[in-house]
Amino acid sequence: MRVAPGGGTAVQDHEALAEIELCGELIIAASAAGEERLSLESIDLVLRVGEERAGDDSGTGAGPGAGAGAGAGR
């Protein structure tokens, strides 16, 4: 087994960090919600789904986070 050297060589996965941030935002929204589950509209608002699609220049709407939450226990 190899271990990365400890000399300050931090590796960042920006996609993973963005995903973790979105999960945190969902957890905060869910804990603040009065209902048992967040509605699909609330989830889309938290994940900024409409903003992602509007800002996607490719026209596919498949930017980071697109489709997130689909089929999540509903």
Protein backbone atom coordinates (compact mmCIF):
# COMPACT_ATOMS: atom_id res chain seq x y z
CA MET A 1 0.00 0.00 0.00
CA ARG A 2 1.31 3.42 -0.96
CA VAL A 3 0.62 6.58 1.01
CA ALA A 4 0.77 10.05 -0.52
CA PRO A 5 3.67 12.16 0.79
CA GLY A 6 2.70 14.48 3.63
CA GLY A 7 4.60 17.52 2.43
CA GLY A 8 1.57 19.77 1.84
CA THR A 9 0.57 18.20 -1.47
CA ALA A 10 -3.17 18.68 -1.13
CA VAL A 11 -5.22 17.28 -3.98
CA GLN A 12 -8.64 18.79 -4.55
CA ASP A 13 -11.44 17.22 -6.53
CA HIS A 14 -13.51 20.28 -7.37
CA GLU A 15 -16.50 18.25 -8.56
CA ALA A 16 -16.54 16.26 -5.32
CA LEU A 17 -16.26 19.44 -3.25
CA ALA A 18 -19.16 21.03 -5.17
CA GLU A 19 -21.25 17.89 -4.66
CA ILE A 20 -20.51 17.88 -0.93
CA GLU A 21 -21.51 21.54 -0.73
CA LEU A 22 -24.83 20.83 -2.47
CA CYS A 23 -25.50 17.90 -0.13
CA GLY A 24 -24.88 20.20 2.82
CA GLU A 25 -27.31 22.75 1.42
CA LEU A 26 -29.94 20.02 1.00
CA ILE A 27 -29.43 18.88 4.60
CA ILE A 28 -29.83 22.44 5.87
CA ALA A 29 -32.97 22.96 3.79
CA ALA A 30 -34.44 19.65 4.94
CA SER A 31 -33.78 20.41 8.60
CA ALA A 32 -35.42 23.83 8.27
CA ALA A 33 -38.46 22.52 6.35
CA GLY A 34 -41.75 22.15 8.16
CA GLU A 35 -42.85 19.12 6.16
CA GLU A 36 -41.53 15.57 6.37
CA ARG A 37 -39.90 15.73 2.91
CA LEU A 38 -38.76 18.49 0.62
CA SER A 39 -40.90 18.96 -2.46
CA LEU A 40 -39.32 18.53 -5.88
CA GLU A 41 -39.60 22.29 -6.36
CA SER A 42 -37.76 22.92 -3.07
CA ILE A 43 -35.00 20.52 -4.05
CA ASP A 44 -34.65 22.20 -7.45
CA LEU A 45 -34.43 25.59 -5.73
CA VAL A 46 -31.73 24.39 -3.32
CA LEU A 47 -29.75 22.72 -6.12
CA ARG A 48 -30.27 25.74 -8.40
CA VAL A 49 -31.37 23.42 -11.21
CA GLY A 50 -32.97 26.18 -13.31
CA GLU A 51 -29.90 28.38 -12.97
CA GLU A 52 -27.63 25.55 -14.10
CA ARG A 53 -29.69 24.95 -17.22
CA ALA A 54 -30.00 28.66 -18.03
CA GLY A 55 -26.23 29.11 -17.71
CA ASP A 56 -25.33 26.04 -19.79
CA ASP A 57 -23.97 27.22 -23.16
CA SER A 58 -24.11 23.77 -24.77
CA GLY A 59 -27.90 23.75 -24.81
CA THR A 60 -28.09 20.28 -23.27
CA GLY A 61 -28.81 21.36 -19.71
CA ALA A 62 -26.44 18.68 -18.48
CA GLY A 63 -24.17 20.90 -16.41
CA PRO A 64 -22.82 19.90 -12.99
CA GLY A 65 -25.64 18.82 -10.76
CA ALA A 66 -28.15 18.44 -13.58
CA GLY A 67 -30.64 15.78 -12.70
CA ALA A 68 -29.42 15.56 -9.12
CA GLY A 69 -32.01 14.20 -6.78
CA ALA A 70 -33.88 12.29 -9.46
CA GLY A 71 -35.50 9.21 -8.02
CA ALA A 72 -34.21 9.83 -4.52
CA GLY A 73 -36.79 7.90 -2.55
CA ARG A 74 -39.89 9.52 -3.98
